[in-house]
């Protein structure tokens, strides 16, 4: 088995997704791999009114500015570095769009060999809107995928 060289983990800022970040950090550290932390977002001006934070539930991130994902990946990066991944091996990327499309596209464009996602979406409403992130990512990813039990 060859070692992983580049690991991508998706996060939405929820506590469950940060468990996936922790697992990805451990894998990256064990393989001396680069860790890329990605977060999909929808620009503020194009969000539907049904996307209000009160409907998304308590795990949802607070919507601030046009790219709320920037704060999410910054916090996730800090967590990965605190877990022991070398700071120069951790990068972040935000990408506009739905979670699955964004992660699959990012994995392809960044030549990722392992995609890490949590087994649970942010909540029932979002999963009805976006679909099952782990299931859809597993079907569409062109690299290995690790689905972390986060609940």
Foldseek 3Di string as FASTA:
>chain_A
DAQWAEEEEEDQLFQLSLVLLQVSLVSCVVRVHAYEYEYEDAFPVPDDPCPDPVNLDDRGDDDDHRCPVVVSLVVSLVVSVVSPRPNVRYYYDYHYDADQVVQQVVCVVVVGQEYEGEQDDSDDVVCVVRNGNVVSNCVRHPHHYHYHHRD
